[in-house]
């Protein structure tokens, strides 16, 4: 009887230990799941409604209701000037639409700096930054890069004219402005379809550059050189004349041999005056 009781006791203890072990494992798994849920909750980024473009929009397009949609945007990544309500974009007090000032890609956040106020015209003045002025440069097929210029491109401006006087006179080509931004081609400040031979291009420059370009245009010929879209280098000083272009070196006058000095002294012999050579002292 005692053996049976001891056996039952041992079996009970074994079962209890197993139950405790299983319970401990279950509790550990539950605690790990809680920890994972808490970490996932902490990783959730707070969002806010922001309006984005439903299609690619270019300069001059009118912004309609079907061109925008609301999305949840991370609060810490919302760009300055983003629209958060439809009423901000399309005020109920007016039926006038906004006009696109700068290209906007599909799903890009709509920003106040890239659109006009409702009913406002997207004139060329909207492309001028503070302190900048618009200046028109006359071009043709050769000086205007064969019609491949577009608003938004950057160009280097070269001046060709005559300098010097007399024998020093001659034509010279010099870089006078580097990386100037184009804001219009002929009368268009938007996209230009195909290669168009422009008659004038309008650049954005500061007042000092306006004076330099006006002087250069009135005294010689201006040519434009297109800068690559991803090129952030600044062209260094460039000046080329005919001699440097053809590799002609300036003529150097041959040195003139110095005449040997002869020093004399006059003396009188009776009625005759004669010159006698003597060593030169200076």
C-alpha atoms as a PDB file:
ATOM      1  CA  UNK A   1       0.000   0.000   0.000  1.00  0.00           C
ATOM      2  CA  UNK A   2       2.798   2.322   0.883  1.00  0.00           C
ATOM      3  CA  UNK A   3       4.493   1.573  -2.441  1.00  0.00           C
ATOM      4  CA  UNK A   4       1.318   2.481  -4.334  1.00  0.00           C
ATOM      5  CA  UNK A   5       0.994   5.725  -2.388  1.00  0.00           C
ATOM      6  CA  UNK A   6       4.622   6.633  -3.068  1.00  0.00           C
ATOM      7  CA  UNK A   7       4.226   5.862  -6.736  1.00  0.00           C
ATOM      8  CA  UNK A   8       1.124   8.036  -6.978  1.00  0.00           C
ATOM      9  CA  UNK A   9       2.951  10.807  -5.146  1.00  0.00           C
ATOM     10  CA  UNK A  10       5.869  10.674  -7.536  1.00  0.00           C
ATOM     11  CA  UNK A  11       3.558  10.710 -10.546  1.00  0.00           C
ATOM     12  CA  UNK A  12       1.698  13.686  -9.096  1.00  0.00           C
ATOM     13  CA  UNK A  13       4.891  15.580  -8.493  1.00  0.00           C
ATOM     14  CA  UNK A  14       6.052  14.854 -12.057  1.00  0.00           C
ATOM     15  CA  UNK A  15       2.745  16.010 -13.512  1.00  0.00           C
ATOM     16  CA  UNK A  16       2.816  19.180 -11.427  1.00  0.00           C
ATOM     17  CA  UNK A  17       6.357  19.966 -12.541  1.00  0.00           C
ATOM     18  CA  UNK A  18       5.402  19.431 -16.163  1.00  0.00           C
ATOM     19  CA  UNK A  19       2.378  21.687 -15.772  1.00  0.00           C
ATOM     20  CA  UNK A  20       4.544  24.404 -14.214  1.00  0.00           C
ATOM     21  CA  UNK A  21       7.085  24.094 -17.029  1.00  0.00           C
ATOM     22  CA  UNK A  22       4.375  24.292 -19.724  1.00  0.00           C
ATOM     23  CA  UNK A  23       2.745  27.243 -17.992  1.00  0.00           C
ATOM     24  CA  UNK A  24       6.108  29.031 -17.753  1.00  0.00           C
ATOM     25  CA  UNK A  25       6.674  28.521 -21.502  1.00  0.00           C
ATOM     26  CA  UNK A  26       3.193  29.818 -22.326  1.00  0.00           C
ATOM     27  CA  UNK A  27       3.676  32.852 -20.122  1.00  0.00           C
ATOM     28  CA  UNK A  28       7.058  33.558 -21.772  1.00  0.00           C
ATOM     29  CA  UNK A  29       5.533  33.350 -25.247  1.00  0.00           C
ATOM     30  CA  UNK A  30       2.664  35.614 -24.202  1.00  0.00           C
ATOM     31  CA  UNK A  31       5.087  38.137 -22.733  1.00  0.00           C
ATOM     32  CA  UNK A  32       7.220  38.084 -25.935  1.00  0.00           C
ATOM     33  CA  UNK A  33       4.079  38.679 -28.017  1.00  0.00           C
ATOM     34  CA  UNK A  34       3.167  41.619 -25.790  1.00  0.00           C
ATOM     35  CA  UNK A  35       6.666  43.058 -26.191  1.00  0.00           C
ATOM     36  CA  UNK A  36       6.496  42.722 -29.981  1.00  0.00           C
ATOM     37  CA  UNK A  37       3.095  44.391 -30.055  1.00  0.00           C
ATOM     38  CA  UNK A  38       4.396  47.259 -27.922  1.00  0.00           C
ATOM     39  CA  UNK A  39       7.427  47.757 -30.182  1.00  0.00           C
ATOM     40  CA  UNK A  40       5.205  47.715 -33.267  1.00  0.00           C
ATOM     41  CA  UNK A  41       2.913  50.279 -31.659  1.00  0.00           C
ATOM     42  CA  UNK A  42       5.867  52.542 -30.910  1.00  0.00           C
ATOM     43  CA  UNK A  43       7.022  52.339 -34.528  1.00  0.00           C
ATOM     44  CA  UNK A  44       3.703  53.593 -35.878  1.00  0.00           C
ATOM     45  CA  UNK A  45       4.371  57.069 -37.361  1.00  0.00           C
ATOM     46  CA  UNK A  46       1.685  59.707 -36.795  1.00  0.00           C
ATOM     47  CA  UNK A  47       0.232  60.975 -40.072  1.00  0.00           C
ATOM     48  CA  UNK A  48      -1.771  63.911 -41.317  1.00  0.00           C
ATOM     49  CA  UNK A  49      -3.831  64.491 -44.449  1.00  0.00           C
ATOM     50  CA  UNK A  50      -1.942  66.179 -47.311  1.00  0.00           C
ATOM     51  CA  UNK A  51      -3.077  66.733 -50.902  1.00  0.00           C
ATOM     52  CA  UNK A  52      -0.961  65.409 -53.787  1.00  0.00           C
ATOM     53  CA  UNK A  53      -1.210  65.568 -57.590  1.00  0.00           C
ATOM     54  CA  UNK A  54      -3.056  62.766 -59.383  1.00  0.00           C
ATOM     55  CA  UNK A  55      -1.109  63.396 -62.610  1.00  0.00           C
ATOM     56  CA  UNK A  56       1.977  65.197 -63.877  1.00  0.00           C
ATOM     57  CA  UNK A  57       1.284  68.935 -64.062  1.00  0.00           C
ATOM     58  CA  UNK A  58       3.332  71.423 -66.078  1.00  0.00           C
ATOM     59  CA  UNK A  59       3.735  75.177 -66.103  1.00  0.00           C
ATOM     60  CA  UNK A  60       0.556  76.983 -67.136  1.00  0.00           C
ATOM     61  CA  UNK A  61      -1.891  74.129 -66.377  1.00  0.00           C
ATOM     62  CA  UNK A  62      -5.026  75.045 -64.456  1.00  0.00           C
ATOM     63  CA  UNK A  63      -5.491  73.055 -61.274  1.00  0.00           C
ATOM     64  CA  UNK A  64      -8.869  71.281 -61.169  1.00  0.00           C
ATOM     65  CA  UNK A  65     -10.473  69.189 -58.429  1.00  0.00           C
ATOM     66  CA  UNK A  66      -9.717  65.934 -60.249  1.00  0.00           C
ATOM     67  CA  UNK A  67      -6.003  66.834 -60.292  1.00  0.00           C
ATOM     68  CA  UNK A  68      -5.576  66.362 -56.523  1.00  0.00           C
ATOM     69  CA  UNK A  69      -6.293  63.687 -53.908  1.00  0.00           C
ATOM     70  CA  UNK A  70      -5.829  63.331 -50.159  1.00  0.00           C
ATOM     71  CA  UNK A  71      -3.213  60.959 -48.687  1.00  0.00           C
ATOM     72  CA  UNK A  72      -1.886  60.228 -45.203  1.00  0.00           C
ATOM     73  CA  UNK A  73       1.547  61.810 -44.908  1.00  0.00           C
ATOM     74  CA  UNK A  74       4.084  61.379 -42.044  1.00  0.00           C
ATOM     75  CA  UNK A  75       3.801  64.455 -39.829  1.00  0.00           C
ATOM     76  CA  UNK A  76       7.586  64.811 -39.533  1.00  0.00           C
ATOM     77  CA  UNK A  77       8.019  64.776 -43.328  1.00  0.00           C
ATOM     78  CA  UNK A  78       5.278  67.194 -44.426  1.00  0.00           C
ATOM     79  CA  UNK A  79       6.938  69.881 -46.619  1.00  0.00           C
ATOM     80  CA  UNK A  80       6.394  73.537 -45.831  1.00  0.00           C
ATOM     81  CA  UNK A  81       3.482  75.054 -47.744  1.00  0.00           C
ATOM     82  CA  UNK A  82       1.610  71.773 -48.293  1.00  0.00           C
ATOM     83  CA  UNK A  83      -2.186  71.938 -48.564  1.00  0.00           C
ATOM     84  CA  UNK A  84      -4.032  69.946 -45.864  1.00  0.00           C
ATOM     85  CA  UNK A  85      -7.655  70.607 -46.811  1.00  0.00           C
ATOM     86  CA  UNK A  86      -9.512  70.856 -50.087  1.00  0.00           C
ATOM     87  CA  UNK A  87     -10.927  74.232 -49.021  1.00  0.00           C
ATOM     88  CA  UNK A  88      -7.375  75.643 -48.933  1.00  0.00           C
ATOM     89  CA  UNK A  89      -6.857  74.654 -52.556  1.00  0.00           C
ATOM     90  CA  UNK A  90     -10.324  75.568 -53.841  1.00  0.00           C
ATOM     91  CA  UNK A  91     -11.738  78.321 -51.598  1.00  0.00           C
ATOM     92  CA  UNK A  92     -15.576  78.222 -51.533  1.00  0.00           C
ATOM     93  CA  UNK A  93     -15.659  82.022 -51.896  1.00  0.00           C
ATOM     94  CA  UNK A  94     -14.414  81.927 -55.517  1.00  0.00           C
ATOM     95  CA  UNK A  95     -14.699  79.735 -58.595  1.00  0.00           C
ATOM     96  CA  UNK A  96     -11.346  80.897 -59.973  1.00  0.00           C
ATOM     97  CA  UNK A  97      -8.736  78.159 -60.355  1.00  0.00           C
ATOM     98  CA  UNK A  98      -5.060  78.154 -59.475  1.00  0.00           C
ATOM     99  CA  UNK A  99      -2.372  77.926 -62.186  1.00  0.00           C
ATOM    100  CA  UNK A 100       0.757  75.746 -62.022  1.00  0.00           C
ATOM    101  CA  UNK A 101       4.003  77.743 -61.736  1.00  0.00           C
ATOM    102  CA  UNK A 102       6.513  74.869 -61.549  1.00  0.00           C
ATOM    103  CA  UNK A 103       6.308  71.263 -62.802  1.00  0.00           C
ATOM    104  CA  UNK A 104       4.688  68.848 -60.330  1.00  0.00           C
ATOM    105  CA  UNK A 105       5.086  65.081 -60.685  1.00  0.00           C
ATOM    106  CA  UNK A 106       2.350  62.526 -60.074  1.00  0.00           C
ATOM    107  CA  UNK A 107       1.864  61.805 -56.329  1.00  0.00           C
ATOM    108  CA  UNK A 108       4.026  64.813 -55.397  1.00  0.00           C
ATOM    109  CA  UNK A 109       2.733  66.983 -52.556  1.00  0.00           C
ATOM    110  CA  UNK A 110       1.027  70.150 -53.765  1.00  0.00           C
ATOM    111  CA  UNK A 111       2.904  73.195 -52.440  1.00  0.00           C
ATOM    112  CA  UNK A 112       1.838  76.835 -52.286  1.00  0.00           C
ATOM    113  CA  UNK A 113       5.064  78.002 -53.982  1.00  0.00           C
ATOM    114  CA  UNK A 114       4.276  75.883 -57.061  1.00  0.00           C
ATOM    115  CA  UNK A 115       0.814  77.323 -57.761  1.00  0.00           C
ATOM    116  CA  UNK A 116      -0.681  80.782 -58.067  1.00  0.00           C
ATOM    117  CA  UNK A 117      -3.413  82.219 -55.912  1.00  0.00           C
ATOM    118  CA  UNK A 118      -6.936  81.471 -57.241  1.00  0.00           C
ATOM    119  CA  UNK A 119      -7.497  83.437 -60.449  1.00  0.00           C
ATOM    120  CA  UNK A 120      -3.956  84.846 -60.560  1.00  0.00           C
ATOM    121  CA  UNK A 121      -2.087  84.833 -63.870  1.00  0.00           C
ATOM    122  CA  UNK A 122       1.153  82.838 -64.091  1.00  0.00           C
ATOM    123  CA  UNK A 123       3.187  85.630 -65.648  1.00  0.00           C
ATOM    124  CA  UNK A 124       6.957  85.734 -66.045  1.00  0.00           C
ATOM    125  CA  UNK A 125       7.284  87.788 -62.855  1.00  0.00           C
ATOM    126  CA  UNK A 126       6.321  84.678 -60.891  1.00  0.00           C
ATOM    127  CA  UNK A 127       9.606  83.080 -61.998  1.00  0.00           C
ATOM    128  CA  UNK A 128      11.801  85.903 -60.718  1.00  0.00           C
ATOM    129  CA  UNK A 129      13.321  85.387 -57.300  1.00  0.00           C
ATOM    130  CA  UNK A 130      13.811  88.271 -54.896  1.00  0.00           C
ATOM    131  CA  UNK A 131      16.456  90.713 -56.150  1.00  0.00           C
ATOM    132  CA  UNK A 132      16.520  89.295 -59.685  1.00  0.00           C
ATOM    133  CA  UNK A 133      15.542  90.995 -62.954  1.00  0.00           C
ATOM    134  CA  UNK A 134      14.467  89.739 -66.380  1.00  0.00           C
ATOM    135  CA  UNK A 135      16.717  90.625 -69.332  1.00  0.00           C
ATOM    136  CA  UNK A 136      16.150  89.710 -72.991  1.00  0.00           C
ATOM    137  CA  UNK A 137      19.046  88.554 -75.188  1.00  0.00           C
ATOM    138  CA  UNK A 138      18.778  88.491 -78.974  1.00  0.00           C
ATOM    139  CA  UNK A 139      19.754  85.128 -80.462  1.00  0.00           C
ATOM    140  CA  UNK A 140      19.667  83.281 -83.783  1.00  0.00           C
ATOM    141  CA  UNK A 141      20.221  79.700 -84.952  1.00  0.00           C
ATOM    142  CA  UNK A 142      23.967  79.830 -84.238  1.00  0.00           C
ATOM    143  CA  UNK A 143      24.017  81.867 -81.028  1.00  0.00           C
ATOM    144  CA  UNK A 144      20.879  80.228 -79.604  1.00  0.00           C
ATOM    145  CA  UNK A 145      22.142  76.599 -79.581  1.00  0.00           C
ATOM    146  CA  UNK A 146      20.093  75.653 -82.671  1.00  0.00           C
ATOM    147  CA  UNK A 147      16.734  75.969 -80.930  1.00  0.00           C
ATOM    148  CA  UNK A 148      17.416  73.513 -78.100  1.00  0.00           C
ATOM    149  CA  UNK A 149      16.945  76.064 -75.320  1.00  0.00           C
ATOM    150  CA  UNK A 150      14.078  75.593 -72.846  1.00  0.00           C
ATOM    151  CA  UNK A 151      12.841  77.697 -69.914  1.00  0.00           C
ATOM    152  CA  UNK A 152      14.646  76.475 -66.809  1.00  0.00           C
ATOM    153  CA  UNK A 153      17.903  75.695 -68.659  1.00  0.00           C
ATOM    154  CA  UNK A 154      21.187  77.336 -67.643  1.00  0.00           C
ATOM    155  CA  UNK A 155      23.597  78.900 -70.140  1.00  0.00           C
ATOM    156  CA  UNK A 156      27.022  80.528 -70.254  1.00  0.00           C
ATOM    157  CA  UNK A 157      27.060  83.887 -72.070  1.00  0.00           C
ATOM    158  CA  UNK A 158      30.039  84.776 -74.314  1.00  0.00           C
ATOM    159  CA  UNK A 159      30.793  88.199 -75.799  1.00  0.00           C
ATOM    160  CA  UNK A 160      32.655  88.691 -79.100  1.00  0.00           C
ATOM    161  CA  UNK A 161      33.853  92.148 -80.134  1.00  0.00           C
ATOM    162  CA  UNK A 162      36.852  94.311 -80.992  1.00  0.00           C
ATOM    163  CA  UNK A 163      39.253  95.544 -78.362  1.00  0.00           C
ATOM    164  CA  UNK A 164      42.487  97.552 -78.340  1.00  0.00           C
ATOM    165  CA  UNK A 165      43.775 100.314 -80.627  1.00  0.00           C
ATOM    166  CA  UNK A 166      46.106 100.515 -83.579  1.00  0.00           C
ATOM    167  CA  UNK A 167      48.243  97.421 -84.038  1.00  0.00           C
ATOM    168  CA  UNK A 168      46.820  95.957 -80.826  1.00  0.00           C
ATOM    169  CA  UNK A 169      43.225  96.059 -82.146  1.00  0.00           C
ATOM    170  CA  UNK A 170      41.490  92.748 -82.825  1.00  0.00           C
ATOM    171  CA  UNK A 171      38.435  90.623 -82.084  1.00  0.00           C
ATOM    172  CA  UNK A 172      38.230  88.733 -78.805  1.00  0.00           C
ATOM    173  CA  UNK A 173      35.703  86.281 -77.351  1.00  0.00           C
ATOM    174  CA  UNK A 174      35.233  86.346 -73.602  1.00  0.00           C
ATOM    175  CA  UNK A 175      33.004  84.563 -71.078  1.00  0.00           C
ATOM    176  CA  UNK A 176      31.074  87.321 -69.290  1.00  0.00           C
ATOM    177  CA  UNK A 177      28.375  85.398 -67.378  1.00  0.00           C
ATOM    178  CA  UNK A 178      28.297  81.746 -66.275  1.00  0.00           C
ATOM    179  CA  UNK A 179      25.310  79.567 -65.361  1.00  0.00           C
ATOM    180  CA  UNK A 180      22.601  82.124 -66.129  1.00  0.00           C
ATOM    181  CA  UNK A 181      19.058  80.732 -65.813  1.00  0.00           C
ATOM    182  CA  UNK A 182      16.586  81.025 -68.711  1.00  0.00           C
ATOM    183  CA  UNK A 183      13.036  81.916 -67.672  1.00  0.00           C
ATOM    184  CA  UNK A 184      11.470  82.343 -71.122  1.00  0.00           C
ATOM    185  CA  UNK A 185      12.126  81.562 -74.781  1.00  0.00           C
ATOM    186  CA  UNK A 186      10.554  84.109 -77.139  1.00  0.00           C
ATOM    187  CA  UNK A 187       7.129  84.752 -75.559  1.00  0.00           C
ATOM    188  CA  UNK A 188       6.814  81.392 -73.805  1.00  0.00           C
ATOM    189  CA  UNK A 189       7.703  80.815 -70.176  1.00  0.00           C
ATOM    190  CA  UNK A 190       6.424  77.221 -70.266  1.00  0.00           C
ATOM    191  CA  UNK A 191       7.454  74.071 -72.079  1.00  0.00           C
ATOM    192  CA  UNK A 192       8.523  74.452 -75.718  1.00  0.00           C
ATOM    193  CA  UNK A 193       7.481  71.651 -78.072  1.00  0.00           C
ATOM    194  CA  UNK A 194      10.292  70.502 -80.353  1.00  0.00           C
ATOM    195  CA  UNK A 195      13.308  72.488 -81.512  1.00  0.00           C
ATOM    196  CA  UNK A 196      12.287  76.099 -82.119  1.00  0.00           C
ATOM    197  CA  UNK A 197      14.633  78.755 -83.481  1.00  0.00           C
ATOM    198  CA  UNK A 198      14.187  81.534 -80.956  1.00  0.00           C
ATOM    199  CA  UNK A 199      14.677  85.218 -81.633  1.00  0.00           C
ATOM    200  CA  UNK A 200      15.077  86.209 -78.007  1.00  0.00           C
ATOM    201  CA  UNK A 201      15.613  84.452 -74.709  1.00  0.00           C
ATOM    202  CA  UNK A 202      14.917  85.987 -71.315  1.00  0.00           C
ATOM    203  CA  UNK A 203      17.314  85.366 -68.433  1.00  0.00           C
ATOM    204  CA  UNK A 204      17.066  86.010 -64.689  1.00  0.00           C
ATOM    205  CA  UNK A 205      20.014  88.139 -63.519  1.00  0.00           C
ATOM    206  CA  UNK A 206      20.810  90.685 -60.835  1.00  0.00           C
ATOM    207  CA  UNK A 207      20.973  94.443 -61.635  1.00  0.00           C
ATOM    208  CA  UNK A 208      24.788  94.433 -62.038  1.00  0.00           C
ATOM    209  CA  UNK A 209      24.535  91.595 -64.561  1.00  0.00           C
ATOM    210  CA  UNK A 210      21.825  93.521 -66.407  1.00  0.00           C
ATOM    211  CA  UNK A 211      24.261  96.408 -66.888  1.00  0.00           C
ATOM    212  CA  UNK A 212      27.034  94.083 -68.060  1.00  0.00           C
ATOM    213  CA  UNK A 213      24.795  92.254 -70.547  1.00  0.00           C
ATOM    214  CA  UNK A 214      23.301  95.499 -71.888  1.00  0.00           C
ATOM    215  CA  UNK A 215      26.780  96.947 -72.473  1.00  0.00           C
ATOM    216  CA  UNK A 216      28.006  93.731 -74.064  1.00  0.00           C
ATOM    217  CA  UNK A 217      24.969  93.421 -76.357  1.00  0.00           C
ATOM    218  CA  UNK A 218      25.358  96.988 -77.611  1.00  0.00           C
ATOM    219  CA  UNK A 219      29.102  96.691 -78.317  1.00  0.00           C
ATOM    220  CA  UNK A 220      29.424  93.196 -79.762  1.00  0.00           C
ATOM    221  CA  UNK A 221      27.736  89.831 -80.320  1.00  0.00           C
ATOM    222  CA  UNK A 222      26.438  87.536 -77.593  1.00  0.00           C
ATOM    223  CA  UNK A 223      26.483  83.739 -77.895  1.00  0.00           C
ATOM    224  CA  UNK A 224      24.982  81.175 -75.529  1.00  0.00           C
ATOM    225  CA  UNK A 225      26.445  77.840 -74.484  1.00  0.00           C
ATOM    226  CA  UNK A 226      24.013  75.333 -72.931  1.00  0.00           C
ATOM    227  CA  UNK A 227      24.999  73.893 -69.530  1.00  0.00           C
ATOM    228  CA  UNK A 228      24.147  70.254 -68.795  1.00  0.00           C
ATOM    229  CA  UNK A 229      21.171  69.521 -66.510  1.00  0.00           C
ATOM    230  CA  UNK A 230      23.298  67.835 -63.840  1.00  0.00           C
ATOM    231  CA  UNK A 231      26.412  69.976 -64.260  1.00  0.00           C
ATOM    232  CA  UNK A 232      27.137  71.985 -61.106  1.00  0.00           C
ATOM    233  CA  UNK A 233      30.579  73.233 -62.167  1.00  0.00           C
ATOM    234  CA  UNK A 234      31.235  76.932 -62.711  1.00  0.00           C
ATOM    235  CA  UNK A 235      33.090  77.885 -65.891  1.00  0.00           C
ATOM    236  CA  UNK A 236      36.372  79.650 -65.212  1.00  0.00           C
ATOM    237  CA  UNK A 237      37.540  82.826 -66.934  1.00  0.00           C
ATOM    238  CA  UNK A 238      37.745  82.317 -70.721  1.00  0.00           C
ATOM    239  CA  UNK A 239      39.237  84.792 -73.206  1.00  0.00           C
ATOM    240  CA  UNK A 240      40.288  83.859 -76.736  1.00  0.00           C
ATOM    241  CA  UNK A 241      41.646  86.089 -79.540  1.00  0.00           C
ATOM    242  CA  UNK A 242      42.871  85.251 -83.027  1.00  0.00           C
ATOM    243  CA  UNK A 243      46.522  84.851 -82.011  1.00  0.00           C
ATOM    244  CA  UNK A 244      45.758  82.472 -79.123  1.00  0.00           C
ATOM    245  CA  UNK A 245      43.270  80.560 -81.294  1.00  0.00           C
ATOM    246  CA  UNK A 246      45.834  79.957 -84.067  1.00  0.00           C
ATOM    247  CA  UNK A 247      48.783  79.586 -81.718  1.00  0.00           C
ATOM    248  CA  UNK A 248      50.592  82.636 -83.105  1.00  0.00           C
ATOM    249  CA  UNK A 249      53.168  84.009 -80.717  1.00  0.00           C
ATOM    250  CA  UNK A 250      53.733  87.731 -80.496  1.00  0.00           C
ATOM    251  CA  UNK A 251      56.727  88.933 -82.479  1.00  0.00           C
ATOM    252  CA  UNK A 252      59.650  89.962 -80.295  1.00  0.00           C
ATOM    253  CA  UNK A 253      61.889  92.706 -81.700  1.00  0.00           C
ATOM    254  CA  UNK A 254      65.531  91.677 -82.083  1.00  0.00           C
ATOM    255  CA  UNK A 255      67.798  93.397 -79.572  1.00  0.00           C
ATOM    256  CA  UNK A 256      69.753  96.343 -81.031  1.00  0.00           C
ATOM    257  CA  UNK A 257      73.507  96.074 -80.559  1.00  0.00           C
ATOM    258  CA  UNK A 258      74.871  98.922 -78.535  1.00  0.00           C
ATOM    259  CA  UNK A 259      77.336 101.080 -80.449  1.00  0.00           C
ATOM    260  CA  UNK A 260      80.794 101.266 -79.046  1.00  0.00           C
ATOM    261  CA  UNK A 261      81.321 104.600 -77.375  1.00  0.00           C
ATOM    262  CA  UNK A 262      84.209 106.758 -78.482  1.00  0.00           C
ATOM    263  CA  UNK A 263      85.326 109.538 -76.199  1.00  0.00           C
ATOM    264  CA  UNK A 264      87.521 112.377 -77.423  1.00  0.00           C
ATOM    265  CA  UNK A 265      89.031 115.585 -76.208  1.00  0.00           C
ATOM    266  CA  UNK A 266      89.684 118.663 -78.258  1.00  0.00           C
ATOM    267  CA  UNK A 267      93.010 120.382 -78.114  1.00  0.00           C
ATOM    268  CA  UNK A 268      94.587 123.181 -80.102  1.00  0.00           C
ATOM    269  CA  UNK A 269      97.879 122.853 -81.839  1.00  0.00           C
ATOM    270  CA  UNK A 270      98.797 126.269 -83.042  1.00  0.00           C
ATOM    271  CA  UNK A 271      95.933 127.426 -85.253  1.00  0.00           C
ATOM    272  CA  UNK A 272      94.514 123.901 -85.676  1.00  0.00           C
ATOM    273  CA  UNK A 273      91.973 122.192 -83.377  1.00  0.00           C
ATOM    274  CA  UNK A 274      92.326 118.423 -83.207  1.00  0.00           C
ATOM    275  CA  UNK A 275      90.321 115.666 -81.359  1.00  0.00           C
ATOM    276  CA  UNK A 276      92.344 113.119 -79.436  1.00  0.00           C
ATOM    277  CA  UNK A 277      90.717 109.822 -78.283  1.00  0.00           C
ATOM    278  CA  UNK A 278      90.726 109.198 -74.558  1.00  0.00           C
ATOM    279  CA  UNK A 279      89.248 106.351 -72.338  1.00  0.00           C
ATOM    280  CA  UNK A 280      85.519 106.824 -71.517  1.00  0.00           C
ATOM    281  CA  UNK A 281      84.997 107.202 -67.805  1.00  0.00           C
ATOM    282  CA  UNK A 282      81.199 106.867 -67.656  1.00  0.00           C
END
